[in-house]
Protein backbone atom coordinates (compact mmCIF):
# COMPACT_ATOMS: atom_id res chain seq x y z
CA MET A 1 5.32 58.11 -25.57
CA ASN A 2 3.25 56.37 -28.25
CA THR A 3 3.40 52.59 -28.42
CA VAL A 4 1.97 49.64 -30.30
CA LEU A 5 1.25 46.48 -28.34
CA GLY A 6 2.14 43.07 -29.75
CA LEU A 7 0.65 40.02 -28.05
CA ASP A 8 1.77 36.46 -28.75
CA LEU A 9 -0.38 33.60 -27.48
CA GLY A 10 2.05 30.68 -27.55
CA THR A 11 1.80 27.14 -26.28
CA GLN A 12 3.85 27.69 -23.14
CA SER A 13 3.26 31.36 -22.42
CA LEU A 14 1.51 34.55 -23.43
CA LYS A 15 3.88 37.44 -24.19
CA ALA A 16 3.31 41.17 -24.47
CA VAL A 17 5.67 43.70 -26.07
CA PHE A 18 5.13 47.48 -25.98
CA TYR A 19 7.09 49.16 -28.76
CA ASP A 20 7.64 52.91 -28.92
CA TYR A 21 7.69 53.40 -32.67
CA GLN A 22 8.98 56.97 -32.43
CA THR A 23 12.12 56.15 -30.42
CA ARG A 24 12.23 52.62 -31.92
CA LYS A 25 12.60 50.97 -28.54
CA VAL A 26 10.77 48.20 -26.70
CA VAL A 27 9.77 50.07 -23.56
CA ALA A 28 8.16 47.17 -21.69
CA ALA A 29 7.63 43.44 -22.03
CA ALA A 30 6.09 40.71 -19.90
CA SER A 31 5.01 37.09 -20.10
CA SER A 32 2.72 34.71 -18.26
CA ALA A 33 3.06 30.92 -18.26
CA LEU A 34 0.38 28.62 -19.67
CA ALA A 35 -0.36 25.00 -18.83
CA VAL A 36 -1.03 22.29 -21.43
CA PHE A 37 -3.25 19.36 -20.50
CA ARG A 38 -2.17 16.10 -22.17
CA ASP A 39 -3.22 12.47 -22.06
CA ASP A 40 -1.92 9.16 -23.38
CA ASN A 41 -4.22 9.34 -26.43
CA GLY A 42 -2.35 12.33 -27.85
CA ALA A 43 -4.69 15.05 -26.61
CA ALA A 44 -3.12 18.46 -25.98
CA GLU A 45 -5.55 21.09 -24.74
CA GLN A 46 -5.73 24.48 -23.04
CA LEU A 47 -8.57 26.48 -21.52
CA ALA A 48 -9.47 29.73 -23.24
CA ASP A 49 -10.13 31.21 -19.78
CA GLY A 50 -6.48 30.46 -19.04
CA TRP A 51 -5.48 32.64 -21.99
CA THR A 52 -7.48 35.64 -20.84
CA ALA A 53 -6.29 35.15 -17.26
CA ALA A 54 -2.71 35.11 -18.56
CA LEU A 55 -3.42 38.33 -20.47
CA VAL A 56 -4.60 39.98 -17.26
CA ASP A 57 -1.50 38.75 -15.43
CA CYS A 58 0.78 39.81 -18.25
CA LEU A 59 -0.58 43.34 -18.55
CA ASN A 60 -0.66 43.83 -14.78
CA GLN A 61 3.14 43.59 -14.92
CA ILE A 62 3.27 46.66 -17.18
CA PRO A 63 3.27 50.19 -15.68
CA VAL A 64 0.02 52.07 -16.18
CA PRO A 65 1.60 54.94 -18.19
CA VAL A 66 2.93 52.41 -20.69
CA ARG A 67 -0.45 50.72 -21.04
CA ASP A 68 -2.11 54.11 -21.49
CA SER A 69 0.30 54.96 -24.33
CA VAL A 70 -1.03 52.21 -26.62
CA GLN A 71 -2.19 53.45 -30.02
CA ALA A 72 -2.85 50.08 -31.68
CA ILE A 73 -2.76 46.36 -30.84
CA GLY A 74 -1.75 43.31 -32.89
CA VAL A 75 -2.26 39.70 -31.82
CA SER A 76 -0.24 36.64 -32.77
CA GLY A 77 -1.34 33.14 -31.82
CA GLN A 78 -0.44 29.48 -32.08
CA GLN A 79 -1.96 28.09 -35.25
CA HIS A 80 -4.60 25.39 -35.83
CA GLY A 81 -6.29 25.44 -32.41
CA PHE A 82 -10.09 25.13 -32.43
CA VAL A 83 -12.02 27.50 -30.17
CA ALA A 84 -15.70 26.51 -30.22
CA VAL A 85 -17.90 29.47 -29.25
CA ASP A 86 -21.67 29.58 -28.77
CA GLY A 87 -24.13 32.34 -29.64
CA LYS A 88 -23.55 34.08 -26.30
CA GLY A 89 -19.81 34.29 -26.84
CA GLN A 90 -19.01 31.50 -24.39
CA VAL A 91 -16.35 28.89 -25.14
CA LEU A 92 -17.93 25.46 -25.29
CA ALA A 93 -14.98 23.12 -24.72
CA PRO A 94 -11.26 22.95 -23.94
CA VAL A 95 -9.24 24.10 -26.93
CA LYS A 96 -7.48 21.36 -28.86
CA LEU A 97 -4.04 22.67 -29.87
CA TRP A 98 -1.74 22.35 -32.87
CA CYS A 99 0.16 19.57 -31.10
CA ASP A 100 -2.96 17.50 -30.39
CA THR A 101 -2.65 14.16 -32.21
CA SER A 102 -5.81 12.53 -30.87
CA THR A 103 -7.81 13.25 -34.03
CA GLN A 104 -6.17 10.88 -36.50
CA ALA A 105 -9.43 8.97 -37.04
CA GLU A 106 -11.21 12.22 -37.92
CA THR A 107 -8.31 13.25 -40.17
CA ASP A 108 -8.62 9.99 -42.08
CA ALA A 109 -12.41 10.31 -42.29
CA ILE A 110 -12.27 13.80 -43.82
CA SER A 111 -9.60 12.79 -46.31
CA LEU A 112 -11.57 9.70 -47.32
CA ALA A 113 -14.79 11.69 -47.73
CA CYS A 114 -12.98 14.10 -50.08
CA GLY A 115 -11.43 11.35 -52.18
CA GLY A 116 -8.00 11.01 -50.61
CA ARG A 117 -4.90 13.05 -49.83
CA ASP A 118 -4.26 14.17 -53.41
CA ARG A 119 -7.84 15.34 -53.80
CA CYS A 120 -7.57 17.41 -50.60
CA ILE A 121 -4.48 19.11 -52.04
CA GLU A 122 -6.49 19.86 -55.20
CA LEU A 123 -9.31 21.35 -53.15
CA ALA A 124 -7.36 23.42 -50.65
CA GLY A 125 -3.66 23.30 -51.52
CA ASN A 126 -2.95 21.17 -48.45
CA PRO A 127 -3.68 17.64 -47.26
CA VAL A 128 -5.75 17.35 -44.10
CA LEU A 129 -3.28 16.66 -41.30
CA THR A 130 -3.61 15.75 -37.65
CA GLY A 131 -3.15 19.01 -35.80
CA TYR A 132 -5.06 21.12 -38.32
CA THR A 133 -8.36 22.64 -37.27
CA ALA A 134 -10.59 20.60 -39.59
CA PRO A 135 -10.34 17.24 -37.77
CA LYS A 136 -10.84 19.00 -34.43
CA VAL A 137 -14.25 20.27 -35.58
CA LEU A 138 -15.24 16.74 -36.59
CA TRP A 139 -13.92 15.42 -33.28
CA LEU A 140 -16.28 17.76 -31.41
CA LYS A 141 -19.16 16.59 -33.60
CA VAL A 142 -18.39 12.92 -32.94
CA HIS A 143 -17.36 13.02 -29.28
CA ARG A 144 -19.30 16.02 -27.88
CA PRO A 145 -22.45 16.20 -30.03
CA GLU A 146 -24.40 18.17 -27.42
CA LEU A 147 -21.74 20.91 -27.52
CA TYR A 148 -21.37 20.73 -31.30
CA ARG A 149 -25.08 21.53 -31.68
CA GLN A 150 -24.47 24.80 -29.79
CA LEU A 151 -21.51 25.77 -32.01
CA THR A 152 -22.00 29.28 -33.47
CA HIS A 153 -18.45 30.53 -34.12
CA ILE A 154 -15.33 28.64 -35.21
CA LEU A 155 -12.37 30.69 -34.03
CA LEU A 156 -8.61 30.16 -33.92
CA PRO A 157 -6.55 31.07 -30.83
CA HIS A 158 -5.50 34.53 -32.00
CA ASP A 159 -9.05 35.15 -33.27
CA TYR A 160 -10.33 34.45 -29.78
CA LEU A 161 -8.04 37.04 -28.19
CA ASN A 162 -9.18 39.52 -30.85
CA PHE A 163 -12.76 38.59 -29.92
CA ALA A 164 -12.03 39.08 -26.20
CA LEU A 165 -10.59 42.53 -26.91
CA THR A 166 -13.12 43.81 -29.47
CA GLY A 167 -16.21 41.61 -29.26
CA VAL A 168 -15.86 41.10 -33.03
CA PRO A 169 -15.53 37.55 -34.43
CA SER A 170 -13.07 37.68 -37.30
CA MET A 171 -10.43 35.68 -39.16
CA GLU A 172 -7.66 36.53 -41.63
CA PHE A 173 -6.15 34.61 -44.53
CA GLY A 174 -2.83 33.60 -42.96
CA ASP A 175 -4.18 31.81 -39.90
CA ALA A 176 -7.25 30.62 -41.83
CA SER A 177 -5.01 28.74 -44.28
CA GLY A 178 -3.94 26.49 -41.40
CA THR A 179 -7.47 25.24 -40.78
CA GLY A 180 -7.34 22.72 -43.63
CA PHE A 181 -10.54 24.02 -45.22
CA LEU A 182 -9.40 27.26 -46.88
CA ASN A 183 -8.55 27.04 -50.58
CA VAL A 184 -5.25 28.93 -50.50
CA ARG A 185 -5.25 29.48 -54.27
CA THR A 186 -8.59 31.32 -54.34
CA ARG A 187 -8.63 32.47 -50.68
CA HIS A 188 -12.17 31.13 -50.29
CA TRP A 189 -13.53 28.39 -48.04
CA SER A 190 -13.64 24.97 -49.65
CA GLU A 191 -17.25 23.86 -49.68
CA GLU A 192 -16.22 20.25 -50.35
CA LEU A 193 -13.98 20.09 -47.28
CA LEU A 194 -16.57 21.69 -45.04
CA GLN A 195 -19.13 19.19 -46.34
CA ALA A 196 -16.70 16.37 -45.57
CA ILE A 197 -16.69 17.50 -41.94
CA ASP A 198 -20.50 17.76 -41.76
CA PRO A 199 -22.67 17.11 -44.84
CA ASP A 200 -25.82 18.07 -42.90
CA ARG A 201 -24.80 21.52 -41.73
CA ASP A 202 -23.62 24.75 -43.34
CA LEU A 203 -20.37 25.15 -41.39
CA GLU A 204 -19.48 28.25 -43.39
CA ALA A 205 -22.16 30.04 -41.36
CA CYS A 206 -19.95 29.42 -38.29
CA LEU A 207 -16.90 30.96 -39.91
CA PRO A 208 -16.34 34.71 -39.37
CA PRO A 209 -15.61 37.17 -42.18
CA LEU A 210 -12.09 37.04 -43.62
CA ALA A 211 -10.32 40.37 -43.16
CA ASP A 212 -7.65 41.72 -45.50
CA ALA A 213 -4.15 42.43 -44.23
CA GLY A 214 -3.19 45.91 -43.07
CA GLN A 215 -6.52 46.86 -41.53
CA PHE A 216 -8.22 46.99 -38.14
CA ILE A 217 -11.02 44.59 -37.22
CA GLY A 218 -12.37 46.57 -34.28
CA GLU A 219 -11.50 48.49 -31.11
CA THR A 220 -11.08 47.55 -27.47
CA THR A 221 -14.45 47.54 -25.74
CA ALA A 222 -15.18 49.21 -22.42
CA ARG A 223 -15.44 45.73 -20.87
CA ALA A 224 -12.05 44.67 -22.24
CA ALA A 225 -10.50 47.96 -21.14
CA SER A 226 -11.74 47.42 -17.60
CA ARG A 227 -10.57 43.82 -17.41
CA TYR A 228 -7.16 44.17 -19.07
CA GLY A 229 -6.19 47.66 -17.93
CA LEU A 230 -6.01 49.08 -21.45
CA PRO A 231 -7.63 52.23 -22.84
CA ALA A 232 -11.02 51.76 -24.50
CA GLY A 233 -11.25 52.43 -28.21
CA VAL A 234 -7.75 51.22 -29.13
CA PRO A 235 -7.81 49.77 -32.68
CA VAL A 236 -6.91 46.10 -33.05
CA SER A 237 -5.37 44.83 -36.30
CA THR A 238 -6.19 41.53 -37.99
CA GLY A 239 -3.20 39.81 -36.35
CA GLY A 240 -2.39 36.30 -37.50
CA GLY A 241 -0.83 32.95 -36.72
CA ASP A 242 2.49 32.94 -34.91
CA ASN A 243 4.38 31.93 -38.04
CA MET A 244 2.74 34.71 -40.06
CA MET A 245 3.57 37.26 -37.37
CA GLY A 246 7.05 35.78 -37.07
CA ALA A 247 7.50 36.44 -40.78
CA ILE A 248 6.78 40.13 -40.20
CA GLY A 249 8.98 40.17 -37.10
CA THR A 250 11.91 38.77 -39.09
CA GLY A 251 11.39 40.95 -42.18
CA ASN A 252 10.24 38.00 -44.30
CA VAL A 253 7.70 39.98 -46.32
CA ALA A 254 9.26 39.78 -49.79
CA PRO A 255 10.72 36.93 -51.87
CA GLY A 256 14.28 35.82 -51.16
CA LYS A 257 14.34 35.32 -47.39
CA LEU A 258 13.98 32.27 -45.16
CA THR A 259 12.88 32.37 -41.53
CA MET A 260 13.57 29.49 -39.14
CA SER A 261 11.79 29.50 -35.80
CA LEU A 262 13.18 27.33 -33.00
CA GLY A 263 10.18 27.33 -30.70
CA SER A 264 8.16 24.51 -29.14
CA SER A 265 7.59 23.54 -32.74
CA GLY A 266 10.15 24.15 -35.44
CA THR A 267 9.19 26.05 -38.57
CA LEU A 268 10.91 27.12 -41.76
CA TYR A 269 9.16 29.39 -44.23
CA ALA A 270 9.60 31.80 -47.13
CA TYR A 271 7.47 34.56 -48.64
CA SER A 272 5.97 34.30 -52.11
CA ASP A 273 3.90 36.66 -54.23
CA SER A 274 1.87 33.73 -55.59
CA PRO A 275 0.53 30.43 -54.19
CA VAL A 276 3.14 27.70 -53.71
CA VAL A 277 1.46 24.29 -53.55
CA ASP A 278 3.51 21.16 -52.95
CA PRO A 279 1.93 18.23 -54.85
CA LYS A 280 3.48 15.87 -52.27
CA GLY A 281 2.01 17.85 -49.38
CA ASN A 282 5.28 18.07 -47.44
CA VAL A 283 5.31 21.87 -47.59
CA ALA A 284 2.28 23.60 -46.13
CA ALA A 285 0.74 25.98 -48.68
CA PHE A 286 -0.17 28.79 -46.31
CA CYS A 287 -1.12 32.39 -46.96
CA SER A 288 0.84 35.18 -45.30
CA SER A 289 -0.76 37.86 -43.13
CA THR A 290 0.56 40.61 -45.40
CA GLY A 291 -1.28 39.79 -48.63
CA GLY A 292 0.98 37.08 -50.08
CA TRP A 293 1.73 33.43 -49.40
CA LEU A 294 3.99 31.65 -46.90
CA PRO A 295 5.06 28.12 -47.92
CA LEU A 296 6.10 26.47 -44.67
CA ILE A 297 7.51 23.33 -43.09
CA CYS A 298 6.50 22.56 -39.50
CA THR A 299 7.94 20.04 -37.08
CA MET A 300 6.20 19.30 -33.79
CA ASN A 301 9.29 18.73 -31.64
CA CYS A 302 11.89 21.47 -31.46
CA THR A 303 12.53 23.15 -28.10
CA LEU A 304 9.72 20.93 -26.85
CA GLY A 305 12.14 18.04 -27.31
CA THR A 306 15.19 19.72 -25.83
CA GLU A 307 13.19 20.85 -22.79
CA LEU A 308 12.00 17.30 -22.15
CA VAL A 309 15.57 16.02 -22.36
CA CYS A 310 16.88 18.80 -20.11
CA GLU A 311 14.22 18.04 -17.51
CA ALA A 312 14.83 14.29 -17.61
CA LEU A 313 18.61 14.68 -17.43
CA ASP A 314 18.60 17.58 -14.94
CA ILE A 315 20.30 20.08 -17.27
CA SER A 316 19.55 23.75 -16.57
CA VAL A 317 18.91 26.42 -19.18
CA GLU A 318 21.95 28.29 -17.89
CA ASN A 319 24.19 25.26 -18.60
CA PHE A 320 22.62 24.38 -21.96
CA ASP A 321 25.40 25.72 -24.20
CA ASP A 322 28.20 24.50 -21.94
CA VAL A 323 26.76 20.97 -21.99
CA ILE A 324 26.22 20.62 -25.75
CA GLY A 325 29.31 22.65 -26.57
CA GLY A 326 31.45 19.96 -24.96
CA VAL A 327 30.37 17.35 -27.54
CA ASP A 328 31.80 17.20 -31.05
CA PRO A 329 29.50 17.92 -34.01
CA GLY A 330 27.66 14.76 -35.02
CA SER A 331 27.40 13.55 -31.38
CA ASP A 332 29.85 10.71 -32.05
CA GLY A 333 27.31 8.91 -34.22
CA LEU A 334 24.29 9.21 -31.91
CA VAL A 335 21.12 10.05 -33.86
CA THR A 336 18.01 11.21 -32.02
CA LEU A 337 14.58 11.29 -33.63
CA PRO A 338 12.89 13.68 -31.16
CA PHE A 339 9.35 12.64 -32.03
CA PHE A 340 8.17 12.79 -28.42
CA ASN A 341 4.77 14.21 -29.32
CA GLY A 342 4.24 12.50 -32.66
CA GLU A 343 5.48 14.34 -35.73
CA ARG A 344 4.15 16.30 -38.68
CA THR A 345 7.36 16.42 -40.75
CA PRO A 346 7.74 13.58 -41.42
CA ASP A 347 3.99 12.89 -41.20
CA LEU A 348 4.08 10.37 -38.34
CA PRO A 349 1.47 11.52 -35.78
CA ASN A 350 1.85 8.30 -33.76
CA ALA A 351 5.66 8.28 -33.71
CA ARG A 352 7.73 8.29 -30.54
CA GLY A 353 11.23 9.49 -29.73
CA CYS A 354 14.12 7.22 -30.66
CA LEU A 355 17.85 7.04 -29.91
CA LEU A 356 19.93 5.20 -32.50
CA GLY A 357 23.62 4.44 -32.63
CA LEU A 358 24.25 4.25 -28.89
CA HIS A 359 27.61 2.92 -27.75
CA SER A 360 29.75 3.18 -24.64
CA ARG A 361 31.30 6.53 -25.58
CA ASN A 362 28.18 8.47 -26.63
CA PHE A 363 25.73 7.24 -23.99
CA THR A 364 26.12 10.43 -21.91
CA ARG A 365 23.86 13.29 -20.90
CA PRO A 366 25.66 15.84 -23.11
CA HIS A 367 25.56 13.52 -26.14
CA VAL A 368 21.83 12.88 -25.77
CA LEU A 369 21.05 16.61 -25.51
CA ARG A 370 23.30 17.63 -28.41
CA SER A 371 21.90 14.81 -30.55
CA THR A 372 18.37 16.08 -29.79
CA VAL A 373 19.39 19.57 -30.96
CA GLU A 374 20.89 18.09 -34.12
CA GLY A 375 17.86 15.83 -34.76
CA ALA A 376 15.47 18.79 -34.50
CA THR A 377 17.70 20.72 -36.91
CA TYR A 378 17.98 17.82 -39.39
CA ALA A 379 14.16 17.82 -39.60
CA LEU A 380 14.24 21.50 -40.55
CA ARG A 381 17.05 20.86 -43.05
CA PHE A 382 14.63 18.48 -44.78
CA GLY A 383 12.24 21.42 -45.01
CA LEU A 384 14.98 23.54 -46.54
CA ASP A 385 15.52 20.91 -49.24
CA GLU A 386 11.79 20.65 -49.94
CA LEU A 387 11.38 24.43 -50.23
CA ALA A 388 14.34 24.56 -52.63
CA LYS A 389 12.61 21.98 -54.86
CA LEU A 390 9.65 24.38 -55.08
CA GLY A 391 11.89 27.25 -56.11
CA MET A 392 12.28 28.92 -52.72
CA GLN A 393 15.93 30.03 -52.50
CA SER A 394 17.77 32.22 -50.05
CA ARG A 395 21.28 33.32 -49.20
CA GLU A 396 20.64 33.35 -45.44
CA ILE A 397 18.40 32.08 -42.66
CA VAL A 398 16.87 34.57 -40.23
CA LEU A 399 16.62 32.75 -36.92
CA THR A 400 14.05 33.40 -34.19
CA GLY A 401 12.45 31.57 -31.27
CA GLY A 402 13.81 30.43 -27.92
CA GLY A 403 16.38 28.08 -29.43
CA ALA A 404 18.00 31.03 -31.19
CA ASN A 405 19.27 32.22 -27.80
CA SER A 406 21.78 29.35 -27.85
CA ALA A 407 25.05 30.26 -29.59
CA VAL A 408 25.83 26.58 -30.12
CA TRP A 409 22.42 25.88 -31.67
CA ARG A 410 22.82 28.87 -33.99
CA GLN A 411 26.10 27.37 -35.21
CA VAL A 412 24.49 23.93 -35.62
CA VAL A 413 21.81 25.51 -37.85
CA ALA A 414 24.44 27.27 -39.97
CA ASP A 415 26.49 24.08 -40.32
CA ILE A 416 23.64 21.66 -41.06
CA CYS A 417 21.84 24.02 -43.45
CA ARG A 418 25.08 25.38 -44.98
CA LEU A 419 23.79 28.96 -44.88
CA PRO A 420 24.71 32.05 -42.87
CA VAL A 421 22.45 32.64 -39.88
CA THR A 422 21.15 36.12 -39.09
CA VAL A 423 19.65 37.09 -35.73
CA LEU A 424 17.86 40.39 -35.29
CA GLN A 425 18.09 42.74 -32.33
CA GLN A 426 14.31 42.47 -32.03
CA ASP A 427 14.34 38.78 -31.08
CA GLU A 428 10.68 38.27 -30.09
CA GLY A 429 9.68 37.49 -33.67
CA ALA A 430 5.95 36.78 -33.30
CA SER A 431 5.00 39.36 -30.68
CA PHE A 432 7.17 42.04 -32.32
CA GLY A 433 5.74 41.10 -35.71
CA ALA A 434 2.23 41.56 -34.32
CA ALA A 435 3.24 45.00 -33.04
CA LEU A 436 4.65 45.94 -36.46
CA GLN A 437 1.48 44.76 -38.21
CA ALA A 438 -0.54 46.99 -35.87
CA LEU A 439 1.83 49.88 -36.67
CA TRP A 440 1.36 49.25 -40.40
CA ALA A 441 -2.44 49.41 -40.06
CA LEU A 442 -2.09 52.55 -37.93
CA GLN A 443 0.10 54.32 -40.47
CA ARG A 444 -2.19 53.32 -43.33
CA ARG A 445 -4.89 55.45 -41.71
CA SER A 446 -2.91 58.59 -42.57
CA ASP A 447 -0.93 57.24 -45.53
CA SER A 448 -2.63 54.57 -47.61
CA SER A 449 0.58 54.00 -49.58
CA SER A 450 2.46 52.74 -46.50
CA THR A 451 3.72 49.19 -47.08
CA ILE A 452 4.77 46.43 -44.73
CA ASP A 453 8.15 46.43 -46.53
CA ASP A 454 8.66 50.04 -45.43
CA ILE A 455 7.76 49.16 -41.85
CA VAL A 456 10.17 46.24 -41.46
CA ALA A 457 12.99 48.11 -43.21
CA LYS A 458 12.64 50.96 -40.75
CA HIS A 459 12.15 49.01 -37.53
CA LEU A 460 14.30 45.84 -37.84
CA SER A 461 18.08 45.60 -37.51
CA ARG A 462 20.73 42.86 -37.32
CA ASP A 463 22.41 41.81 -34.10
CA GLU A 464 25.91 41.31 -35.47
CA SER A 465 27.16 39.71 -32.25
CA ARG A 466 24.79 36.76 -32.70
CA CYS A 467 25.02 36.23 -36.46
CA THR A 468 27.18 33.32 -37.66
CA SER A 469 28.36 31.50 -40.78
CA PRO A 470 28.91 27.80 -41.56
CA ASN A 471 32.11 26.28 -40.21
CA SER A 472 33.74 24.44 -43.11
CA GLU A 473 35.30 21.91 -40.73
CA HIS A 474 31.85 20.66 -39.71
CA LEU A 475 30.18 20.29 -43.10
CA ASP A 476 31.25 16.72 -43.86
CA VAL A 477 30.29 15.31 -40.47
CA TYR A 478 26.88 16.96 -40.69
CA SER A 479 26.39 15.72 -44.24
CA GLN A 480 26.92 12.21 -42.89
CA GLY A 481 24.72 12.90 -39.87
CA TYR A 482 21.88 14.19 -42.04
CA ALA A 483 22.06 11.09 -44.23
CA ALA A 484 21.98 8.90 -41.10
CA TYR A 485 18.93 10.85 -39.84
CA GLN A 486 17.11 10.28 -43.14
CA ARG A 487 17.90 6.55 -43.08
CA ALA A 488 16.67 6.34 -39.49
CA VAL A 489 13.36 8.03 -40.34
CA GLU A 490 12.86 5.65 -43.26
CA GLN A 491 13.52 2.63 -41.08
CA ILE A 492 11.37 3.58 -38.07
CA ALA A 493 8.38 4.96 -40.04
CA PRO A 494 6.75 1.52 -40.53
CA LEU A 495 6.91 0.91 -36.77
CA TYR A 496 4.59 3.77 -35.96
CA THR A 497 1.66 3.35 -38.30
CA THR A 498 -0.79 1.97 -35.73
CA SER A 499 -3.28 4.13 -33.88
CA THR A 500 -1.62 3.36 -30.55
CA GLY A 501 1.83 4.53 -31.56
CA GLN A 502 3.29 1.22 -30.37
CA PRO A 503 5.74 -0.75 -32.56
């Protein structure tokens, strides 16, 4: 048995997948839950020690012979988090996450120092947004200056796991493009944006080398092998952000495909052979982790929103489809804006969740949950429209993430987006994508002509039982519902422009 190990450091859990690439079977998988620490100011943080402890717990669930079979490792991780590391390799502070909205003042300060939102797009291809890494670095400088002075390495979450495994600080273009200070057109750091964060310090000295796709950045150290129960000397690939690894795990490595991820956040993205920069800044101009680019829309409240509603209304995961399946499409006019944690698309970091259109017949638990599903999907439909304006077209959506396990939600996506939905048999998109990237790097050692296209074509397959097409009977009601959602966003946006998030 020869396997590749894919790790996915998510917001709610760390997952491990061991894939036997000779028999083309996942031979073992495990996960370990993670806690998120939040406060009323929008902070969302995790401890890096919690990540490594979860990795220990996760791998301890795997039989020793499976762990010993590992030939290569790939790591996926939540994007945008800021791991501040000192010269001794110690993490200096809790890690602010992608969903942290407490850095709006720092976001505004960086943008102002660069000359405004449009100028930031000129410099890097993206505006500086709350949630990106850039304002988190400035936040540490402003609020924890004694720790900022000790800062030696700026790492992202997946970079930190790579560092824990290999002892090598590194970064790659896909995840780096979500920092806010990488020029995605040139694939070089933007000196102007780094200077806007700190004009008195050379922050580029804190940034690790950028590694090209399809290569290894190091090998598991003896210390890592002892702690995590893995063999020493196992090569570790560059890895990437969870969306970049999800692109590999859904076969989105060539133009013409769209991937939608229904995770804690919602994402919709397409592959491009050249940079795709949105002059309005609605579409994130990211790089892929396979050598190309990955224009992407991200929403901050997808399954995060449905889980909050399920918990508040005492609806179990097992009953999820039965509950929402009992409500007609369109939720009888109820529109939910599930902006429970602020929102990135639309760019309303201080927004809060809203229910609009309540009346005596739709004020029920099932209506509220189904409307939350539809609201999260309307936000992604907006992303579909924006990608189309930039020339990104597709004949299908490949669906991944926890929400894709719901047959009703899959149909809602097909109906709202008016496209067939494909689900793959390998449904752990990010962790499986990380495993495939590691396999690609491994095969390139013996065959330099091996391409990521070859890898995904060989190791991905459709799950016909979970694929679906738009229901023509639902298209009109969802057209009306989407228009109502857009009007609602337009009307509530002015209410949430203060720093407190209060109307």
